[in-house]
Each structure stands twice: as structure tokens, then as C-alpha cells.
């Protein structure tokens, strides 16, 4: 039976003879409530398979960031179109925010870089083809934050829940920060590269040396000052110098300082300190 993929968000859904109904995606529960939870509202009116995606004209763009970190993305973009990351270590590789597609080109690329020993995601919008990627590399573990299990469309024995802090490979830490979604997390590599997904995001203009803290990225709904402070304080326990978001934004040096400066500005503006200027 085929594995069905939502063409709006890229999430795999359970194998079945027929595709799910329109509006049947786990991330499509009608209009998003005022609390701006993980539901991304009406999206995607068609279901597709990996075979159909592979048959479409496309290519995989690959970037080498140095220090064992690689990223890649399909062009033309499919669904959310995130950059996926492979963090190489002597003990195996972490595949972070996996692509929503698999074909010979991208699987061979990951294989040439050493394959994947574990798969993990920053939040449910990035679950994508996590189960299929696990199966492609020998059914390696897929770590899913326990606070986001309600958004899991495809279950499988490879899935392993975790919470708060995990070390799936020596030198690789997954840190739950919340904010964007309850289980939103970052991955920290042994050389100080922070992979943030949308937990900490870039800014739409690509403004250099700046990051943002966004509850709902498509609508640009910001996080509260208290949540931003909680995220930054939690990260203060760790050392990091580089930062990469799922949108391809990169802070190549002094990332911790950039996060602090951006957070302080966000907190002061959102707290009303500068209301007299508006």
C-alpha cells in the first residue's frame, strides 16, 4: 500500500489503499484557534506518494557548512520546503528535520555522507517523511518529543518519545525549549552548532545578525516576552557559536550574542517599553 503525503505540509500519513480525504491532514483541523497552536489551518488539497514526487523534475541542493554539518533541500520546493541537516559525528550521524521526499539522489547523498544513525525533528511541522527515512537506513530510531505526540500522523516501532533533554549520539544534545509548539526543540552539536528549526527563526528580510521568536511563523505572531526569556535562559546553560534555521538562515559566528541581542530587543518592544515611540 502507498504511503500518502500531504502536498501542503509534506507530512506522511498511514499507508492505505486510498488517500485520506481532503482536509484529512493531522495539521489541518479547520481554522486555527486564537491560541495559535500547531494546526496550520486549511492547506493542501491533494495527496501524493514518494514515487510520484520522484518522477517530477527536481534536484537536491546540497550545502557543506564545515565542521561536519551539511544541509540539503529539494528544488523546486515541495510543501514547507525546509532545509534538512545532517550532523556528522564519529559515532554516527543525526538527520535533523528530514526532507518530505525520498528518491535515489537524496538517499545516495545522505549515504555518501555516512548515512543516518538517528532521526529527530524540531517540531511536528517537520515530521515530514521521518519514518521512511528511518526505514531507508536500517530502521534507525526516530526521536519524537512526547509533548507533541498528538500531531503524529504515522506511527511505527522506530518512534521513540523523549522530553526535556536527550543525547541520541555522543556529543549531540536535543534540548526542549517550547515556544513555537509545546515540544519545540533544538539540536546542539559537539562543535557548538545550534540547529533551531522554527524554535528560533530568521527574519523575513534576511536581516544579518538577527533572529526572531515566533509563535506562528506564517502569520508572524510573536512569542510573549516571558517565553522568549525562558528560551534564552535555558540556552544559557550551553555553549554555541553557530546557528541554523530550517528556512536556511545562518549565523556563522557569535550566535549566542546574536540570540541575546535579538531577545532583549523583542522583550523590550513586546513589553511596551517603547510604546511612547509608536
C-alpha atoms as a PDB file:
ATOM      1  CA  UNK A   1       0.000   0.000   0.000  1.00  0.00           C
ATOM      2  CA  UNK A   2       1.275   3.507  -0.728  1.00  0.00           C
ATOM      3  CA  UNK A   3       2.381   5.996   1.877  1.00  0.00           C
ATOM      4  CA  UNK A   4       0.334   9.159   1.418  1.00  0.00           C
ATOM      5  CA  UNK A   5       1.927  12.590   1.744  1.00  0.00           C
ATOM      6  CA  UNK A   6       0.039  15.851   2.247  1.00  0.00           C
ATOM      7  CA  UNK A   7       1.120  18.173  -0.561  1.00  0.00           C
ATOM      8  CA  UNK A   8       0.558  21.220   1.667  1.00  0.00           C
ATOM      9  CA  UNK A   9       2.814  20.383   4.622  1.00  0.00           C
ATOM     10  CA  UNK A  10       4.699  17.283   3.459  1.00  0.00           C
ATOM     11  CA  UNK A  11       3.742  15.009   6.364  1.00  0.00           C
ATOM     12  CA  UNK A  12       3.473  11.282   5.734  1.00  0.00           C
ATOM     13  CA  UNK A  13       0.205   9.672   6.769  1.00  0.00           C
ATOM     14  CA  UNK A  14      -0.543   5.965   7.335  1.00  0.00           C
ATOM     15  CA  UNK A  15      -0.357   3.550   4.422  1.00  0.00           C
ATOM     16  CA  UNK A  16      -3.763   2.820   2.946  1.00  0.00           C
ATOM     17  CA  UNK A  17      -5.230   1.649  -0.389  1.00  0.00           C
ATOM     18  CA  UNK A  18      -6.899   5.039  -0.899  1.00  0.00           C
ATOM     19  CA  UNK A  19      -5.651   8.506   0.076  1.00  0.00           C
ATOM     20  CA  UNK A  20      -7.111  10.282   3.116  1.00  0.00           C
ATOM     21  CA  UNK A  21      -9.997  12.665   2.428  1.00  0.00           C
ATOM     22  CA  UNK A  22      -9.427  16.323   1.599  1.00  0.00           C
ATOM     23  CA  UNK A  23      -8.790  18.135   4.848  1.00  0.00           C
ATOM     24  CA  UNK A  24      -7.646  14.855   6.418  1.00  0.00           C
ATOM     25  CA  UNK A  25      -4.139  16.007   7.305  1.00  0.00           C
ATOM     26  CA  UNK A  26      -3.334  15.878  11.019  1.00  0.00           C
ATOM     27  CA  UNK A  27      -2.171  19.509  10.803  1.00  0.00           C
ATOM     28  CA  UNK A  28      -5.460  20.633   9.208  1.00  0.00           C
ATOM     29  CA  UNK A  29      -8.185  20.931  11.837  1.00  0.00           C
ATOM     30  CA  UNK A  30     -10.047  23.795  10.278  1.00  0.00           C
ATOM     31  CA  UNK A  31      -9.446  27.396  11.217  1.00  0.00           C
ATOM     32  CA  UNK A  32      -6.586  27.865  13.677  1.00  0.00           C
ATOM     33  CA  UNK A  33      -7.796  28.884  17.114  1.00  0.00           C
ATOM     34  CA  UNK A  34      -6.882  32.147  18.766  1.00  0.00           C
ATOM     35  CA  UNK A  35      -4.219  30.334  20.823  1.00  0.00           C
ATOM     36  CA  UNK A  36      -2.236  29.662  17.597  1.00  0.00           C
ATOM     37  CA  UNK A  37      -1.417  26.013  18.330  1.00  0.00           C
ATOM     38  CA  UNK A  38       0.286  23.667  15.875  1.00  0.00           C
ATOM     39  CA  UNK A  39      -2.643  23.445  13.457  1.00  0.00           C
ATOM     40  CA  UNK A  40      -1.687  25.380  10.311  1.00  0.00           C
ATOM     41  CA  UNK A  41      -5.264  25.631   9.023  1.00  0.00           C
ATOM     42  CA  UNK A  42      -6.623  24.643   5.638  1.00  0.00           C
ATOM     43  CA  UNK A  43      -3.796  23.570   3.362  1.00  0.00           C
ATOM     44  CA  UNK A  44      -3.105  21.106   0.612  1.00  0.00           C
ATOM     45  CA  UNK A  45      -5.949  19.731  -1.459  1.00  0.00           C
ATOM     46  CA  UNK A  46      -4.090  16.747  -2.874  1.00  0.00           C
ATOM     47  CA  UNK A  47      -2.282  13.640  -1.681  1.00  0.00           C
ATOM     48  CA  UNK A  48       0.871  12.386  -3.332  1.00  0.00           C
ATOM     49  CA  UNK A  49       3.313   9.466  -2.988  1.00  0.00           C
ATOM     50  CA  UNK A  50       7.103   9.305  -2.864  1.00  0.00           C
ATOM     51  CA  UNK A  51       7.085   7.629  -6.270  1.00  0.00           C
ATOM     52  CA  UNK A  52       5.095  10.489  -7.794  1.00  0.00           C
ATOM     53  CA  UNK A  53       7.400  13.055  -6.191  1.00  0.00           C
ATOM     54  CA  UNK A  54      10.474  11.252  -7.510  1.00  0.00           C
ATOM     55  CA  UNK A  55       9.031  11.306 -11.046  1.00  0.00           C
ATOM     56  CA  UNK A  56       8.668  15.101 -11.020  1.00  0.00           C
ATOM     57  CA  UNK A  57      11.555  17.175 -12.425  1.00  0.00           C
ATOM     58  CA  UNK A  58      13.651  18.347  -9.490  1.00  0.00           C
ATOM     59  CA  UNK A  59      17.112  18.374  -7.977  1.00  0.00           C
ATOM     60  CA  UNK A  60      18.606  18.267  -4.498  1.00  0.00           C
ATOM     61  CA  UNK A  61      20.648  21.314  -3.469  1.00  0.00           C
ATOM     62  CA  UNK A  62      23.458  20.484  -1.029  1.00  0.00           C
ATOM     63  CA  UNK A  63      25.446  22.819   1.231  1.00  0.00           C
ATOM     64  CA  UNK A  64      28.550  21.968   3.255  1.00  0.00           C
ATOM     65  CA  UNK A  65      28.757  24.247   6.311  1.00  0.00           C
ATOM     66  CA  UNK A  66      32.019  22.813   7.584  1.00  0.00           C
ATOM     67  CA  UNK A  67      32.697  21.091  10.915  1.00  0.00           C
ATOM     68  CA  UNK A  68      30.759  18.053   9.707  1.00  0.00           C
ATOM     69  CA  UNK A  69      27.464  19.875   9.155  1.00  0.00           C
ATOM     70  CA  UNK A  70      25.569  19.567   5.861  1.00  0.00           C
ATOM     71  CA  UNK A  71      22.160  20.761   4.700  1.00  0.00           C
ATOM     72  CA  UNK A  72      20.043  19.978   1.651  1.00  0.00           C
ATOM     73  CA  UNK A  73      16.697  20.863   0.095  1.00  0.00           C
ATOM     74  CA  UNK A  74      14.598  19.905  -2.914  1.00  0.00           C
ATOM     75  CA  UNK A  75      14.230  22.399  -5.758  1.00  0.00           C
ATOM     76  CA  UNK A  76      11.638  23.260  -6.793  1.00  0.00           C
ATOM     77  CA  UNK A  77      10.490  23.261  -3.196  1.00  0.00           C
ATOM     78  CA  UNK A  78       7.795  20.871  -2.061  1.00  0.00           C
ATOM     79  CA  UNK A  79       5.346  21.603   0.777  1.00  0.00           C
ATOM     80  CA  UNK A  80       7.063  23.602   3.554  1.00  0.00           C
ATOM     81  CA  UNK A  81      10.359  23.201   1.749  1.00  0.00           C
ATOM     82  CA  UNK A  82      12.655  23.255   4.773  1.00  0.00           C
ATOM     83  CA  UNK A  83      16.386  22.807   4.766  1.00  0.00           C
ATOM     84  CA  UNK A  84      17.246  19.458   6.326  1.00  0.00           C
ATOM     85  CA  UNK A  85      20.514  18.953   8.195  1.00  0.00           C
ATOM     86  CA  UNK A  86      22.939  16.104   8.620  1.00  0.00           C
ATOM     87  CA  UNK A  87      25.303  16.454  11.574  1.00  0.00           C
ATOM     88  CA  UNK A  88      28.214  14.012  11.178  1.00  0.00           C
ATOM     89  CA  UNK A  89      29.928  12.557  14.248  1.00  0.00           C
ATOM     90  CA  UNK A  90      32.410   9.711  14.830  1.00  0.00           C
ATOM     91  CA  UNK A  91      29.538   7.789  16.440  1.00  0.00           C
ATOM     92  CA  UNK A  92      27.027   8.168  13.608  1.00  0.00           C
ATOM     93  CA  UNK A  93      25.028  10.964  12.040  1.00  0.00           C
ATOM     94  CA  UNK A  94      21.953  12.891  13.094  1.00  0.00           C
ATOM     95  CA  UNK A  95      19.371  13.616  10.380  1.00  0.00           C
ATOM     96  CA  UNK A  96      17.544  16.720  11.608  1.00  0.00           C
ATOM     97  CA  UNK A  97      14.208  17.961  10.199  1.00  0.00           C
ATOM     98  CA  UNK A  98      14.229  15.314   7.446  1.00  0.00           C
ATOM     99  CA  UNK A  99      13.006  16.040   3.906  1.00  0.00           C
ATOM    100  CA  UNK A 100       9.433  15.304   2.899  1.00  0.00           C
ATOM    101  CA  UNK A 101      10.645  13.223  -0.042  1.00  0.00           C
ATOM    102  CA  UNK A 102      12.957  10.301  -0.769  1.00  0.00           C
ATOM    103  CA  UNK A 103      14.492   9.406  -4.099  1.00  0.00           C
ATOM    104  CA  UNK A 104      17.738   7.821  -5.246  1.00  0.00           C
ATOM    105  CA  UNK A 105      19.578  11.154  -5.461  1.00  0.00           C
ATOM    106  CA  UNK A 106      18.918  12.383  -1.942  1.00  0.00           C
ATOM    107  CA  UNK A 107      19.230   8.948  -0.324  1.00  0.00           C
ATOM    108  CA  UNK A 108      22.561   8.408  -2.095  1.00  0.00           C
ATOM    109  CA  UNK A 109      23.742  11.841  -0.939  1.00  0.00           C
ATOM    110  CA  UNK A 110      22.994  11.037   2.689  1.00  0.00           C
ATOM    111  CA  UNK A 111      24.543   7.604   2.259  1.00  0.00           C
ATOM    112  CA  UNK A 112      27.755   9.073   0.847  1.00  0.00           C
ATOM    113  CA  UNK A 113      27.958  11.338   3.901  1.00  0.00           C
ATOM    114  CA  UNK A 114      27.765   8.340   6.211  1.00  0.00           C
ATOM    115  CA  UNK A 115      24.032   7.689   6.415  1.00  0.00           C
ATOM    116  CA  UNK A 116      21.834   8.383   9.420  1.00  0.00           C
ATOM    117  CA  UNK A 117      22.111   6.738  12.847  1.00  0.00           C
ATOM    118  CA  UNK A 118      19.196   8.686  14.314  1.00  0.00           C
ATOM    119  CA  UNK A 119      16.417  10.960  13.014  1.00  0.00           C
ATOM    120  CA  UNK A 120      14.925  13.848  15.003  1.00  0.00           C
ATOM    121  CA  UNK A 121      12.823  16.930  14.387  1.00  0.00           C
ATOM    122  CA  UNK A 122      12.476  20.410  15.811  1.00  0.00           C
ATOM    123  CA  UNK A 123       8.643  20.257  15.944  1.00  0.00           C
ATOM    124  CA  UNK A 124       5.675  18.461  14.297  1.00  0.00           C
ATOM    125  CA  UNK A 125       5.631  20.621  11.143  1.00  0.00           C
ATOM    126  CA  UNK A 126       8.942  18.891  10.366  1.00  0.00           C
ATOM    127  CA  UNK A 127       7.826  15.273  10.954  1.00  0.00           C
ATOM    128  CA  UNK A 128       7.746  15.012   7.151  1.00  0.00           C
ATOM    129  CA  UNK A 129       8.997  11.604   5.955  1.00  0.00           C
ATOM    130  CA  UNK A 130      10.769  10.753   9.205  1.00  0.00           C
ATOM    131  CA  UNK A 131       9.565   7.137   9.253  1.00  0.00           C
ATOM    132  CA  UNK A 132      10.539   6.490   5.630  1.00  0.00           C
ATOM    133  CA  UNK A 133      13.976   7.987   6.249  1.00  0.00           C
ATOM    134  CA  UNK A 134      14.427   5.684   9.221  1.00  0.00           C
ATOM    135  CA  UNK A 135      13.479   2.672   7.141  1.00  0.00           C
ATOM    136  CA  UNK A 136      15.891   3.728   4.365  1.00  0.00           C
ATOM    137  CA  UNK A 137      18.817   3.463   6.788  1.00  0.00           C
ATOM    138  CA  UNK A 138      18.010   0.250   8.609  1.00  0.00           C
ATOM    139  CA  UNK A 139      15.099   1.409  10.796  1.00  0.00           C
ATOM    140  CA  UNK A 140      17.190   3.723  12.960  1.00  0.00           C
ATOM    141  CA  UNK A 141      15.492   5.433  15.937  1.00  0.00           C
ATOM    142  CA  UNK A 142      13.254   8.444  15.305  1.00  0.00           C
ATOM    143  CA  UNK A 143      13.065  10.713  18.346  1.00  0.00           C
ATOM    144  CA  UNK A 144       9.723  12.497  18.796  1.00  0.00           C
ATOM    145  CA  UNK A 145       9.087  14.890  21.657  1.00  0.00           C
ATOM    146  CA  UNK A 146       6.448  13.440  23.986  1.00  0.00           C
ATOM    147  CA  UNK A 147       4.628  16.769  24.276  1.00  0.00           C
ATOM    148  CA  UNK A 148       3.840  16.728  20.544  1.00  0.00           C
ATOM    149  CA  UNK A 149       2.595  13.165  20.076  1.00  0.00           C
ATOM    150  CA  UNK A 150      -0.937  14.409  19.284  1.00  0.00           C
ATOM    151  CA  UNK A 151       0.377  15.702  15.932  1.00  0.00           C
ATOM    152  CA  UNK A 152       1.931  12.386  14.900  1.00  0.00           C
ATOM    153  CA  UNK A 153       0.178  11.133  11.731  1.00  0.00           C
ATOM    154  CA  UNK A 154       2.161   7.949  11.048  1.00  0.00           C
ATOM    155  CA  UNK A 155       3.112   5.616  13.873  1.00  0.00           C
ATOM    156  CA  UNK A 156       5.854   2.994  13.719  1.00  0.00           C
ATOM    157  CA  UNK A 157       8.019   0.951  16.111  1.00  0.00           C
ATOM    158  CA  UNK A 158      11.032   3.147  15.246  1.00  0.00           C
ATOM    159  CA  UNK A 159       9.488   6.122  17.061  1.00  0.00           C
ATOM    160  CA  UNK A 160      10.939   6.899  20.490  1.00  0.00           C
ATOM    161  CA  UNK A 161       9.390   9.616  22.700  1.00  0.00           C
ATOM    162  CA  UNK A 162      11.620  11.898  24.731  1.00  0.00           C
ATOM    163  CA  UNK A 163      11.194  15.004  26.852  1.00  0.00           C
ATOM    164  CA  UNK A 164      13.305  17.876  28.210  1.00  0.00           C
ATOM    165  CA  UNK A 165      16.802  16.683  27.200  1.00  0.00           C
ATOM    166  CA  UNK A 166      18.140  13.774  25.152  1.00  0.00           C
ATOM    167  CA  UNK A 167      21.566  12.690  23.891  1.00  0.00           C
ATOM    168  CA  UNK A 168      20.846  10.371  20.959  1.00  0.00           C
ATOM    169  CA  UNK A 169      24.528  10.254  19.990  1.00  0.00           C
ATOM    170  CA  UNK A 170      27.648  11.150  21.993  1.00  0.00           C
ATOM    171  CA  UNK A 171      28.131  14.903  21.625  1.00  0.00           C
ATOM    172  CA  UNK A 172      24.639  15.545  20.165  1.00  0.00           C
ATOM    173  CA  UNK A 173      22.017  17.005  22.511  1.00  0.00           C
ATOM    174  CA  UNK A 174      18.343  17.649  21.886  1.00  0.00           C
ATOM    175  CA  UNK A 175      17.002  20.435  24.101  1.00  0.00           C
ATOM    176  CA  UNK A 176      13.282  21.083  24.531  1.00  0.00           C
ATOM    177  CA  UNK A 177      12.531  24.816  24.609  1.00  0.00           C
ATOM    178  CA  UNK A 178       8.838  25.097  23.682  1.00  0.00           C
ATOM    179  CA  UNK A 179       7.512  28.395  22.403  1.00  0.00           C
ATOM    180  CA  UNK A 180       6.636  27.723  18.770  1.00  0.00           C
ATOM    181  CA  UNK A 181       4.951  24.466  19.834  1.00  0.00           C
ATOM    182  CA  UNK A 182       4.954  22.686  23.198  1.00  0.00           C
ATOM    183  CA  UNK A 183       7.672  20.234  22.226  1.00  0.00           C
ATOM    184  CA  UNK A 184       9.704  22.598  20.047  1.00  0.00           C
ATOM    185  CA  UNK A 185      13.368  21.732  20.371  1.00  0.00           C
ATOM    186  CA  UNK A 186      16.839  22.474  19.114  1.00  0.00           C
ATOM    187  CA  UNK A 187      19.798  20.217  18.379  1.00  0.00           C
ATOM    188  CA  UNK A 188      23.253  21.157  19.633  1.00  0.00           C
ATOM    189  CA  UNK A 189      26.304  19.556  18.031  1.00  0.00           C
ATOM    190  CA  UNK A 190      29.591  18.885  19.760  1.00  0.00           C
ATOM    191  CA  UNK A 191      31.294  21.768  17.928  1.00  0.00           C
ATOM    192  CA  UNK A 192      28.733  24.358  19.024  1.00  0.00           C
ATOM    193  CA  UNK A 193      26.347  24.465  16.060  1.00  0.00           C
ATOM    194  CA  UNK A 194      22.728  25.062  17.108  1.00  0.00           C
ATOM    195  CA  UNK A 195      20.045  23.709  14.756  1.00  0.00           C
ATOM    196  CA  UNK A 196      16.892  25.579  15.695  1.00  0.00           C
ATOM    197  CA  UNK A 197      14.126  24.673  13.246  1.00  0.00           C
ATOM    198  CA  UNK A 198      11.479  27.322  13.928  1.00  0.00           C
ATOM    199  CA  UNK A 199      12.131  27.427  17.680  1.00  0.00           C
ATOM    200  CA  UNK A 200      14.383  30.353  16.892  1.00  0.00           C
ATOM    201  CA  UNK A 201      13.790  31.591  13.367  1.00  0.00           C
ATOM    202  CA  UNK A 202      15.262  34.020  10.898  1.00  0.00           C
ATOM    203  CA  UNK A 203      13.589  37.222   9.831  1.00  0.00           C
ATOM    204  CA  UNK A 204      11.689  37.603   6.538  1.00  0.00           C
ATOM    205  CA  UNK A 205      14.103  40.173   5.146  1.00  0.00           C
ATOM    206  CA  UNK A 206      17.159  38.066   5.891  1.00  0.00           C
ATOM    207  CA  UNK A 207      18.430  40.904   8.126  1.00  0.00           C
ATOM    208  CA  UNK A 208      22.017  39.944   9.002  1.00  0.00           C
ATOM    209  CA  UNK A 209      22.938  39.118  12.569  1.00  0.00           C
ATOM    210  CA  UNK A 210      19.370  38.891  13.795  1.00  0.00           C
ATOM    211  CA  UNK A 211      16.913  36.149  14.800  1.00  0.00           C
ATOM    212  CA  UNK A 212      13.259  36.128  15.820  1.00  0.00           C
ATOM    213  CA  UNK A 213      10.935  34.283  18.184  1.00  0.00           C
ATOM    214  CA  UNK A 214       7.671  33.410  16.510  1.00  0.00           C
ATOM    215  CA  UNK A 215       4.623  31.539  17.765  1.00  0.00           C
ATOM    216  CA  UNK A 216       3.027  31.306  14.296  1.00  0.00           C
ATOM    217  CA  UNK A 217       5.542  31.951  11.543  1.00  0.00           C
ATOM    218  CA  UNK A 218       3.158  32.220   8.527  1.00  0.00           C
ATOM    219  CA  UNK A 219       1.126  34.870  10.390  1.00  0.00           C
ATOM    220  CA  UNK A 220       4.163  36.452  12.085  1.00  0.00           C
ATOM    221  CA  UNK A 221       2.516  36.124  15.521  1.00  0.00           C
ATOM    222  CA  UNK A 222       5.309  36.700  18.076  1.00  0.00           C
ATOM    223  CA  UNK A 223       6.040  34.807  21.276  1.00  0.00           C
ATOM    224  CA  UNK A 224       5.426  36.550  24.580  1.00  0.00           C
ATOM    225  CA  UNK A 225       8.322  38.238  26.412  1.00  0.00           C
ATOM    226  CA  UNK A 226       8.130  35.634  29.196  1.00  0.00           C
ATOM    227  CA  UNK A 227       8.514  32.722  26.763  1.00  0.00           C
ATOM    228  CA  UNK A 228      11.407  34.380  24.927  1.00  0.00           C
ATOM    229  CA  UNK A 229      13.160  34.935  28.258  1.00  0.00           C
ATOM    230  CA  UNK A 230      12.583  31.292  29.200  1.00  0.00           C
ATOM    231  CA  UNK A 231      14.101  30.083  25.911  1.00  0.00           C
ATOM    232  CA  UNK A 232      17.191  32.272  26.165  1.00  0.00           C
ATOM    233  CA  UNK A 233      17.741  31.424  29.820  1.00  0.00           C
ATOM    234  CA  UNK A 234      17.515  27.697  29.077  1.00  0.00           C
ATOM    235  CA  UNK A 235      20.055  28.009  26.270  1.00  0.00           C
ATOM    236  CA  UNK A 236      22.451  29.927  28.509  1.00  0.00           C
ATOM    237  CA  UNK A 237      23.466  26.601  30.041  1.00  0.00           C
ATOM    238  CA  UNK A 238      25.043  25.621  26.710  1.00  0.00           C
ATOM    239  CA  UNK A 239      27.807  26.989  24.531  1.00  0.00           C
ATOM    240  CA  UNK A 240      27.108  27.592  20.841  1.00  0.00           C
ATOM    241  CA  UNK A 241      28.703  29.821  18.241  1.00  0.00           C
ATOM    242  CA  UNK A 242      26.799  28.970  15.016  1.00  0.00           C
ATOM    243  CA  UNK A 243      23.057  28.841  14.418  1.00  0.00           C
ATOM    244  CA  UNK A 244      20.997  27.437  11.513  1.00  0.00           C
ATOM    245  CA  UNK A 245      17.239  27.619  10.966  1.00  0.00           C
ATOM    246  CA  UNK A 246      15.020  25.405   8.824  1.00  0.00           C
ATOM    247  CA  UNK A 247      14.491  28.343   6.465  1.00  0.00           C
ATOM    248  CA  UNK A 248      18.184  28.446   5.603  1.00  0.00           C
ATOM    249  CA  UNK A 249      19.105  31.440   7.751  1.00  0.00           C
ATOM    250  CA  UNK A 250      22.582  31.145   9.245  1.00  0.00           C
ATOM    251  CA  UNK A 251      24.547  32.926  11.950  1.00  0.00           C
ATOM    252  CA  UNK A 252      28.098  31.784  11.303  1.00  0.00           C
ATOM    253  CA  UNK A 253      29.722  33.299  14.395  1.00  0.00           C
ATOM    254  CA  UNK A 254      28.816  34.884  17.742  1.00  0.00           C
ATOM    255  CA  UNK A 255      25.407  33.175  17.593  1.00  0.00           C
ATOM    256  CA  UNK A 256      24.882  33.308  21.347  1.00  0.00           C
ATOM    257  CA  UNK A 257      25.422  37.059  21.353  1.00  0.00           C
ATOM    258  CA  UNK A 258      23.031  37.431  18.401  1.00  0.00           C
ATOM    259  CA  UNK A 259      20.340  35.446  20.226  1.00  0.00           C
ATOM    260  CA  UNK A 260      20.740  37.587  23.361  1.00  0.00           C
ATOM    261  CA  UNK A 261      20.641  40.875  21.448  1.00  0.00           C
ATOM    262  CA  UNK A 262      17.618  39.828  19.425  1.00  0.00           C
ATOM    263  CA  UNK A 263      15.817  38.546  22.524  1.00  0.00           C
ATOM    264  CA  UNK A 264      16.414  41.733  24.501  1.00  0.00           C
ATOM    265  CA  UNK A 265      15.006  43.850  21.690  1.00  0.00           C
ATOM    266  CA  UNK A 266      11.989  41.555  21.305  1.00  0.00           C
ATOM    267  CA  UNK A 267      11.284  41.555  25.043  1.00  0.00           C
ATOM    268  CA  UNK A 268      11.576  45.319  25.444  1.00  0.00           C
ATOM    269  CA  UNK A 269       9.347  46.122  22.473  1.00  0.00           C
ATOM    270  CA  UNK A 270       6.731  43.450  23.244  1.00  0.00           C
ATOM    271  CA  UNK A 271       6.650  44.516  26.909  1.00  0.00           C
ATOM    272  CA  UNK A 272       5.607  48.050  25.948  1.00  0.00           C
ATOM    273  CA  UNK A 273       8.812  49.816  26.943  1.00  0.00           C
ATOM    274  CA  UNK A 274       8.828  51.779  23.702  1.00  0.00           C
ATOM    275  CA  UNK A 275       5.094  52.340  23.304  1.00  0.00           C
ATOM    276  CA  UNK A 276       5.682  56.086  23.577  1.00  0.00           C
ATOM    277  CA  UNK A 277       7.511  55.889  20.257  1.00  0.00           C
ATOM    278  CA  UNK A 278       4.594  54.313  18.400  1.00  0.00           C
END
